PDB file of all heavy atoms in Angstrom:
ATOM      1  N   LYS A   1      -1.403 -11.753 -17.842  1.00  0.00           N
ATOM      2  CA  LYS A   1      -2.302 -11.394 -16.869  1.00  0.00           C
ATOM      3  C   LYS A   1      -3.457 -10.791 -17.411  1.00  0.00           C
ATOM      4  O   LYS A   1      -3.485 -10.030 -18.475  1.00  0.00           O
ATOM      5  CB  LYS A   1      -1.630 -10.302 -15.901  1.00  0.00           C
ATOM      6  CG  LYS A   1      -0.464 -10.843 -15.146  1.00  0.00           C
ATOM      7  CD  LYS A   1       0.144  -9.750 -14.368  1.00  0.00           C
ATOM      8  CE  LYS A   1       1.412 -10.310 -13.562  1.00  0.00           C
ATOM      9  NZ  LYS A   1       2.010  -9.233 -12.888  1.00  0.00           N
ATOM     10  N   ALA A   2      -4.654 -11.026 -16.698  1.00  0.00           N
ATOM     11  CA  ALA A   2      -5.858 -10.297 -17.039  1.00  0.00           C
ATOM     12  C   ALA A   2      -5.808  -8.866 -16.579  1.00  0.00           C
ATOM     13  O   ALA A   2      -4.999  -8.476 -15.768  1.00  0.00           O
ATOM     14  CB  ALA A   2      -7.049 -11.020 -16.387  1.00  0.00           C
ATOM     15  N   PRO A   3      -6.572  -7.972 -17.185  1.00  0.00           N
ATOM     16  CA  PRO A   3      -6.627  -6.618 -16.732  1.00  0.00           C
ATOM     17  C   PRO A   3      -6.711  -6.362 -15.261  1.00  0.00           C
ATOM     18  O   PRO A   3      -6.027  -5.516 -14.629  1.00  0.00           O
ATOM     19  CB  PRO A   3      -7.742  -5.933 -17.580  1.00  0.00           C
ATOM     20  CG  PRO A   3      -7.790  -6.776 -18.743  1.00  0.00           C
ATOM     21  CD  PRO A   3      -7.502  -8.131 -18.327  1.00  0.00           C
ATOM     22  N   ILE A   4      -7.698  -7.157 -14.674  1.00  0.00           N
ATOM     23  CA  ILE A   4      -7.886  -6.979 -13.198  1.00  0.00           C
ATOM     24  C   ILE A   4      -6.648  -7.388 -12.459  1.00  0.00           C
ATOM     25  O   ILE A   4      -6.362  -6.762 -11.386  1.00  0.00           O
ATOM     26  CB  ILE A   4      -9.158  -7.816 -12.792  1.00  0.00           C
ATOM     27  CG1 ILE A   4      -9.479  -7.523 -11.311  1.00  0.00           C
ATOM     28  CG2 ILE A   4      -8.807  -9.263 -12.999  1.00  0.00           C
ATOM     29  CD1 ILE A   4     -10.042  -6.110 -11.099  1.00  0.00           C
ATOM     30  N   ALA A   5      -5.903  -8.350 -12.939  1.00  0.00           N
ATOM     31  CA  ALA A   5      -4.605  -8.728 -12.209  1.00  0.00           C
ATOM     32  C   ALA A   5      -3.654  -7.611 -12.272  1.00  0.00           C
ATOM     33  O   ALA A   5      -2.853  -7.445 -11.344  1.00  0.00           O
ATOM     34  CB  ALA A   5      -4.122 -10.042 -12.860  1.00  0.00           C
ATOM     35  N   LYS A   6      -3.536  -6.969 -13.377  1.00  0.00           N
ATOM     36  CA  LYS A   6      -2.613  -5.765 -13.578  1.00  0.00           C
ATOM     37  C   LYS A   6      -2.971  -4.765 -12.650  1.00  0.00           C
ATOM     38  O   LYS A   6      -2.095  -4.012 -12.073  1.00  0.00           O
ATOM     39  CB  LYS A   6      -2.658  -5.337 -15.068  1.00  0.00           C
ATOM     40  CG  LYS A   6      -2.087  -6.349 -16.021  1.00  0.00           C
ATOM     41  CD  LYS A   6      -2.118  -5.810 -17.507  1.00  0.00           C
ATOM     42  CE  LYS A   6      -1.633  -6.864 -18.469  1.00  0.00           C
ATOM     43  NZ  LYS A   6      -1.680  -6.335 -19.818  1.00  0.00           N
ATOM     44  N   LYS A   7      -4.296  -4.412 -12.439  1.00  0.00           N
ATOM     45  CA  LYS A   7      -4.698  -3.431 -11.502  1.00  0.00           C
ATOM     46  C   LYS A   7      -4.277  -3.807 -10.083  1.00  0.00           C
ATOM     47  O   LYS A   7      -3.830  -2.948  -9.254  1.00  0.00           O
ATOM     48  CB  LYS A   7      -6.220  -3.211 -11.581  1.00  0.00           C
ATOM     49  CG  LYS A   7      -6.716  -2.647 -12.841  1.00  0.00           C
ATOM     50  CD  LYS A   7      -6.401  -1.132 -12.879  1.00  0.00           C
ATOM     51  CE  LYS A   7      -7.014  -0.438 -14.109  1.00  0.00           C
ATOM     52  NZ  LYS A   7      -6.523   0.935 -14.247  1.00  0.00           N
ATOM     53  N   ALA A   8      -4.431  -5.113  -9.764  1.00  0.00           N
ATOM     54  CA  ALA A   8      -3.984  -5.609  -8.443  1.00  0.00           C
ATOM     55  C   ALA A   8      -2.473  -5.356  -8.272  1.00  0.00           C
ATOM     56  O   ALA A   8      -2.090  -4.992  -7.135  1.00  0.00           O
ATOM     57  CB  ALA A   8      -4.415  -7.033  -8.195  1.00  0.00           C
ATOM     58  N   ASP A   9      -1.740  -5.568  -9.219  1.00  0.00           N
ATOM     59  CA  ASP A   9      -0.265  -5.308  -9.155  1.00  0.00           C
ATOM     60  C   ASP A   9       0.006  -3.970  -8.962  1.00  0.00           C
ATOM     61  O   ASP A   9       1.152  -3.615  -8.256  1.00  0.00           O
ATOM     62  CB  ASP A   9       0.376  -6.005 -10.350  1.00  0.00           C
ATOM     63  CG  ASP A   9       0.439  -7.482 -10.276  1.00  0.00           C
ATOM     64  OD1 ASP A   9       0.120  -8.061  -9.330  1.00  0.00           O
ATOM     65  OD2 ASP A   9       0.856  -8.100 -11.350  1.00  0.00           O
ATOM     66  N   GLN A  10      -0.665  -2.994  -9.552  1.00  0.00           N
ATOM     67  CA  GLN A  10      -0.383  -1.572  -9.440  1.00  0.00           C
ATOM     68  C   GLN A  10      -0.607  -1.228  -8.001  1.00  0.00           C
ATOM     69  O   GLN A  10       0.070  -0.435  -7.363  1.00  0.00           O
ATOM     70  CB  GLN A  10      -1.374  -0.871 -10.301  1.00  0.00           C
ATOM     71  CG  GLN A  10      -0.969  -0.959 -11.842  1.00  0.00           C
ATOM     72  CD  GLN A  10      -1.894  -0.274 -12.769  1.00  0.00           C
ATOM     73  OE1 GLN A  10      -2.880   0.376 -12.296  1.00  0.00           O
ATOM     74  NE2 GLN A  10      -1.673  -0.363 -14.018  1.00  0.00           N
ATOM     75  N   VAL A  11      -1.704  -1.822  -7.395  1.00  0.00           N
ATOM     76  CA  VAL A  11      -2.018  -1.619  -5.986  1.00  0.00           C
ATOM     77  C   VAL A  11      -0.917  -2.079  -5.092  1.00  0.00           C
ATOM     78  O   VAL A  11      -0.413  -1.392  -4.149  1.00  0.00           O
ATOM     79  CB  VAL A  11      -3.380  -2.139  -5.533  1.00  0.00           C
ATOM     80  CG1 VAL A  11      -3.596  -2.020  -4.039  1.00  0.00           C
ATOM     81  CG2 VAL A  11      -4.494  -1.419  -6.318  1.00  0.00           C
ATOM     82  N   SER A  12      -0.430  -3.308  -5.386  1.00  0.00           N
ATOM     83  CA  SER A  12       0.616  -3.953  -4.580  1.00  0.00           C
ATOM     84  C   SER A  12       1.938  -3.111  -4.576  1.00  0.00           C
ATOM     85  O   SER A  12       2.726  -3.084  -3.582  1.00  0.00           O
ATOM     86  CB  SER A  12       0.876  -5.384  -5.045  1.00  0.00           C
ATOM     87  OG  SER A  12       1.631  -5.373  -6.236  1.00  0.00           O
ATOM     88  N   GLY A  13       2.100  -2.405  -5.679  1.00  0.00           N
ATOM     89  CA  GLY A  13       3.364  -1.623  -5.828  1.00  0.00           C
ATOM     90  C   GLY A  13       3.484  -0.461  -4.836  1.00  0.00           C
ATOM     91  O   GLY A  13       4.556  -0.119  -4.439  1.00  0.00           O
ATOM     92  N   ILE A  14       2.298   0.012  -4.364  1.00  0.00           N
ATOM     93  CA  ILE A  14       2.286   1.123  -3.367  1.00  0.00           C
ATOM     94  C   ILE A  14       1.684   0.630  -2.007  1.00  0.00           C
ATOM     95  O   ILE A  14       1.852   1.398  -1.096  1.00  0.00           O
ATOM     96  CB  ILE A  14       1.383   2.350  -3.887  1.00  0.00           C
ATOM     97  CG1 ILE A  14      -0.139   1.847  -4.030  1.00  0.00           C
ATOM     98  CG2 ILE A  14       1.947   2.855  -5.198  1.00  0.00           C
ATOM     99  CD1 ILE A  14      -0.993   3.057  -4.346  1.00  0.00           C
ATOM    100  N   PHE A  15       1.261  -0.516  -2.011  1.00  0.00           N
ATOM    101  CA  PHE A  15       0.555  -1.031  -0.723  1.00  0.00           C
ATOM    102  C   PHE A  15       1.597  -1.053   0.431  1.00  0.00           C
ATOM    103  O   PHE A  15       1.290  -0.499   1.459  1.00  0.00           O
ATOM    104  CB  PHE A  15       0.131  -2.506  -0.932  1.00  0.00           C
ATOM    105  CG  PHE A  15      -0.550  -3.086   0.263  1.00  0.00           C
ATOM    106  CD1 PHE A  15      -1.825  -2.707   0.697  1.00  0.00           C
ATOM    107  CD2 PHE A  15       0.138  -3.943   1.052  1.00  0.00           C
ATOM    108  CE1 PHE A  15      -2.282  -3.305   1.768  1.00  0.00           C
ATOM    109  CE2 PHE A  15      -0.351  -4.523   2.145  1.00  0.00           C
ATOM    110  CZ  PHE A  15      -1.649  -4.225   2.578  1.00  0.00           C
ATOM    111  N   VAL A  16       2.735  -1.699   0.247  1.00  0.00           N
ATOM    112  CA  VAL A  16       3.729  -1.743   1.371  1.00  0.00           C
ATOM    113  C   VAL A  16       4.183  -0.370   1.853  1.00  0.00           C
ATOM    114  O   VAL A  16       4.098  -0.189   3.085  1.00  0.00           O
ATOM    115  CB  VAL A  16       4.905  -2.640   0.952  1.00  0.00           C
ATOM    116  CG1 VAL A  16       5.996  -2.658   2.056  1.00  0.00           C
ATOM    117  CG2 VAL A  16       4.410  -4.049   0.646  1.00  0.00           C
ATOM    118  N   PRO A  17       4.681   0.444   1.063  1.00  0.00           N
ATOM    119  CA  PRO A  17       5.161   1.802   1.570  1.00  0.00           C
ATOM    120  C   PRO A  17       4.033   2.554   2.222  1.00  0.00           C
ATOM    121  O   PRO A  17       4.254   3.280   3.185  1.00  0.00           O
ATOM    122  CB  PRO A  17       5.694   2.534   0.314  1.00  0.00           C
ATOM    123  CG  PRO A  17       5.180   1.810  -0.821  1.00  0.00           C
ATOM    124  CD  PRO A  17       5.051   0.394  -0.444  1.00  0.00           C
ATOM    125  N   VAL A  18       2.784   2.450   1.693  1.00  0.00           N
ATOM    126  CA  VAL A  18       1.648   3.207   2.384  1.00  0.00           C
ATOM    127  C   VAL A  18       1.380   2.603   3.697  1.00  0.00           C
ATOM    128  O   VAL A  18       1.197   3.359   4.690  1.00  0.00           O
ATOM    129  CB  VAL A  18       0.334   2.995   1.437  1.00  0.00           C
ATOM    130  CG1 VAL A  18      -0.887   3.386   2.238  1.00  0.00           C
ATOM    131  CG2 VAL A  18       0.527   3.832   0.181  1.00  0.00           C
ATOM    132  N   ILE A  19       1.452   1.256   3.877  1.00  0.00           N
ATOM    133  CA  ILE A  19       1.240   0.667   5.245  1.00  0.00           C
ATOM    134  C   ILE A  19       2.294   1.108   6.158  1.00  0.00           C
ATOM    135  O   ILE A  19       2.014   1.429   7.376  1.00  0.00           O
ATOM    136  CB  ILE A  19       1.163  -0.827   5.098  1.00  0.00           C
ATOM    137  CG1 ILE A  19      -0.054  -1.217   4.287  1.00  0.00           C
ATOM    138  CG2 ILE A  19       1.130  -1.470   6.529  1.00  0.00           C
ATOM    139  CD1 ILE A  19      -1.394  -0.853   4.890  1.00  0.00           C
ATOM    140  N   ILE A  20       3.591   1.078   5.773  1.00  0.00           N
ATOM    141  CA  ILE A  20       4.708   1.571   6.658  1.00  0.00           C
ATOM    142  C   ILE A  20       4.402   3.031   7.027  1.00  0.00           C
ATOM    143  O   ILE A  20       4.557   3.346   8.221  1.00  0.00           O
ATOM    144  CB  ILE A  20       6.019   1.383   5.947  1.00  0.00           C
ATOM    145  CG1 ILE A  20       6.345  -0.006   5.668  1.00  0.00           C
ATOM    146  CG2 ILE A  20       7.186   2.105   6.711  1.00  0.00           C
ATOM    147  CD1 ILE A  20       7.602  -0.354   4.892  1.00  0.00           C
ATOM    148  N   GLY A  21       3.945   3.815   6.038  1.00  0.00           N
ATOM    149  CA  GLY A  21       3.676   5.325   6.420  1.00  0.00           C
ATOM    150  C   GLY A  21       2.604   5.430   7.412  1.00  0.00           C
ATOM    151  O   GLY A  21       2.644   6.194   8.285  1.00  0.00           O
ATOM    152  N   ILE A  22       1.513   4.670   7.155  1.00  0.00           N
ATOM    153  CA  ILE A  22       0.373   4.621   8.188  1.00  0.00           C
ATOM    154  C   ILE A  22       0.804   4.314   9.643  1.00  0.00           C
ATOM    155  O   ILE A  22       0.391   4.873  10.570  1.00  0.00           O
ATOM    156  CB  ILE A  22      -0.819   3.780   7.658  1.00  0.00           C
ATOM    157  CG1 ILE A  22      -1.344   4.371   6.337  1.00  0.00           C
ATOM    158  CG2 ILE A  22      -1.859   3.633   8.688  1.00  0.00           C
ATOM    159  CD1 ILE A  22      -2.424   3.474   5.761  1.00  0.00           C
ATOM    160  N   ALA A  23       1.678   3.258   9.613  1.00  0.00           N
ATOM    161  CA  ALA A  23       2.144   2.780  10.903  1.00  0.00           C
ATOM    162  C   ALA A  23       2.960   3.815  11.642  1.00  0.00           C
ATOM    163  O   ALA A  23       2.849   4.148  12.893  1.00  0.00           O
ATOM    164  CB  ALA A  23       3.026   1.588  10.678  1.00  0.00           C
ATOM    165  N   LEU A  24       3.862   4.594  10.873  1.00  0.00           N
ATOM    166  CA  LEU A  24       4.569   5.707  11.498  1.00  0.00           C
ATOM    167  C   LEU A  24       3.707   6.869  12.035  1.00  0.00           C
ATOM    168  O   LEU A  24       3.970   7.372  13.065  1.00  0.00           O
ATOM    169  CB  LEU A  24       5.620   6.237  10.465  1.00  0.00           C
ATOM    170  CG  LEU A  24       6.845   5.264  10.171  1.00  0.00           C
ATOM    171  CD1 LEU A  24       7.596   5.809   9.040  1.00  0.00           C
ATOM    172  CD2 LEU A  24       7.682   5.105  11.322  1.00  0.00           C
ATOM    173  N   ILE A  25       2.677   7.217  11.137  1.00  0.00           N
ATOM    174  CA  ILE A  25       1.813   8.215  11.508  1.00  0.00           C
ATOM    175  C   ILE A  25       0.975   7.790  12.796  1.00  0.00           C
ATOM    176  O   ILE A  25       0.764   8.671  13.732  1.00  0.00           O
ATOM    177  CB  ILE A  25       0.733   8.522  10.347  1.00  0.00           C
ATOM    178  CG1 ILE A  25       1.514   9.141   9.176  1.00  0.00           C
ATOM    179  CG2 ILE A  25      -0.296   9.418  10.846  1.00  0.00           C
ATOM    180  CD1 ILE A  25       0.794   9.275   7.940  1.00  0.00           C
ATOM    181  N   THR A  26       0.586   6.547  12.802  1.00  0.00           N
ATOM    182  CA  THR A  26      -0.183   6.028  14.015  1.00  0.00           C
ATOM    183  C   THR A  26       0.689   6.162  15.272  1.00  0.00           C
ATOM    184  O   THR A  26       0.161   6.614  16.247  1.00  0.00           O
ATOM    185  CB  THR A  26      -0.517   4.543  13.752  1.00  0.00           C
ATOM    186  OG1 THR A  26      -1.454   4.382  12.625  1.00  0.00           O
ATOM    187  CG2 THR A  26      -1.275   3.947  15.046  1.00  0.00           C
ATOM    188  N   PHE A  27       1.954   5.825  15.191  1.00  0.00           N
ATOM    189  CA  PHE A  27       2.823   5.909  16.336  1.00  0.00           C
ATOM    190  C   PHE A  27       2.953   7.341  16.835  1.00  0.00           C
ATOM    191  O   PHE A  27       2.873   7.738  18.002  1.00  0.00           O
ATOM    192  CB  PHE A  27       4.139   5.286  15.983  1.00  0.00           C
ATOM    193  CG  PHE A  27       5.240   5.528  17.120  1.00  0.00           C
ATOM    194  CD1 PHE A  27       5.224   4.603  18.213  1.00  0.00           C
ATOM    195  CD2 PHE A  27       6.149   6.458  16.956  1.00  0.00           C
ATOM    196  CE1 PHE A  27       6.152   4.778  19.192  1.00  0.00           C
ATOM    197  CE2 PHE A  27       7.182   6.632  17.985  1.00  0.00           C
ATOM    198  CZ  PHE A  27       7.142   5.816  19.142  1.00  0.00           C
ATOM    199  N   ILE A  28       3.257   8.277  15.808  1.00  0.00           N
ATOM    200  CA  ILE A  28       3.470   9.668  16.090  1.00  0.00           C
ATOM    201  C   ILE A  28       2.238  10.330  16.780  1.00  0.00           C
ATOM    202  O   ILE A  28       2.266  11.081  17.794  1.00  0.00           O
ATOM    203  CB  ILE A  28       3.878  10.467  14.877  1.00  0.00           C
ATOM    204  CG1 ILE A  28       5.302   9.951  14.446  1.00  0.00           C
ATOM    205  CG2 ILE A  28       3.885  11.925  15.150  1.00  0.00           C
ATOM    206  CD1 ILE A  28       5.659  10.431  12.991  1.00  0.00           C
ATOM    207  N   VAL A  29       1.082   9.966  16.198  1.00  0.00           N
ATOM    208  CA  VAL A  29      -0.195  10.595  16.660  1.00  0.00           C
ATOM    209  C   VAL A  29      -0.504  10.170  18.197  1.00  0.00           C
ATOM    210  O   VAL A  29      -0.831  11.002  19.043  1.00  0.00           O
ATOM    211  CB  VAL A  29      -1.357  10.242  15.775  1.00  0.00           C
ATOM    212  CG1 VAL A  29      -2.719  10.610  16.456  1.00  0.00           C
ATOM    213  CG2 VAL A  29      -1.222  10.874  14.450  1.00  0.00           C
ATOM    214  N   TRP A  30      -0.361   8.929  18.413  1.00  0.00           N
ATOM    215  CA  TRP A  30      -0.562   8.449  19.802  1.00  0.00           C
ATOM    216  C   TRP A  30       0.440   8.916  20.754  1.00  0.00           C
ATOM    217  O   TRP A  30       0.159   9.318  21.930  1.00  0.00           O
ATOM    218  CB  TRP A  30      -0.592   6.886  19.847  1.00  0.00           C
ATOM    219  CG  TRP A  30      -1.818   6.281  19.386  1.00  0.00           C
ATOM    220  CD1 TRP A  30      -1.955   5.420  18.260  1.00  0.00           C
ATOM    221  CD2 TRP A  30      -3.149   6.374  19.963  1.00  0.00           C
ATOM    222  NE1 TRP A  30      -3.226   5.033  18.205  1.00  0.00           N
ATOM    223  CE2 TRP A  30      -4.044   5.575  19.101  1.00  0.00           C
ATOM    224  CE3 TRP A  30      -3.599   7.109  21.048  1.00  0.00           C
ATOM    225  CZ2 TRP A  30      -5.316   5.510  19.387  1.00  0.00           C
ATOM    226  CZ3 TRP A  30      -5.043   6.967  21.322  1.00  0.00           C
ATOM    227  CH2 TRP A  30      -5.852   6.282  20.466  1.00  0.00           C
TER     228      TRP A  30
END
């Protein structure tokens, strides 16, 4: 992988749990 692809993979590693967390916060706030 190129360095930029490695950075993208680092983001993908936390992307899913972050999105799930944001969804839960959105539900609770409303």
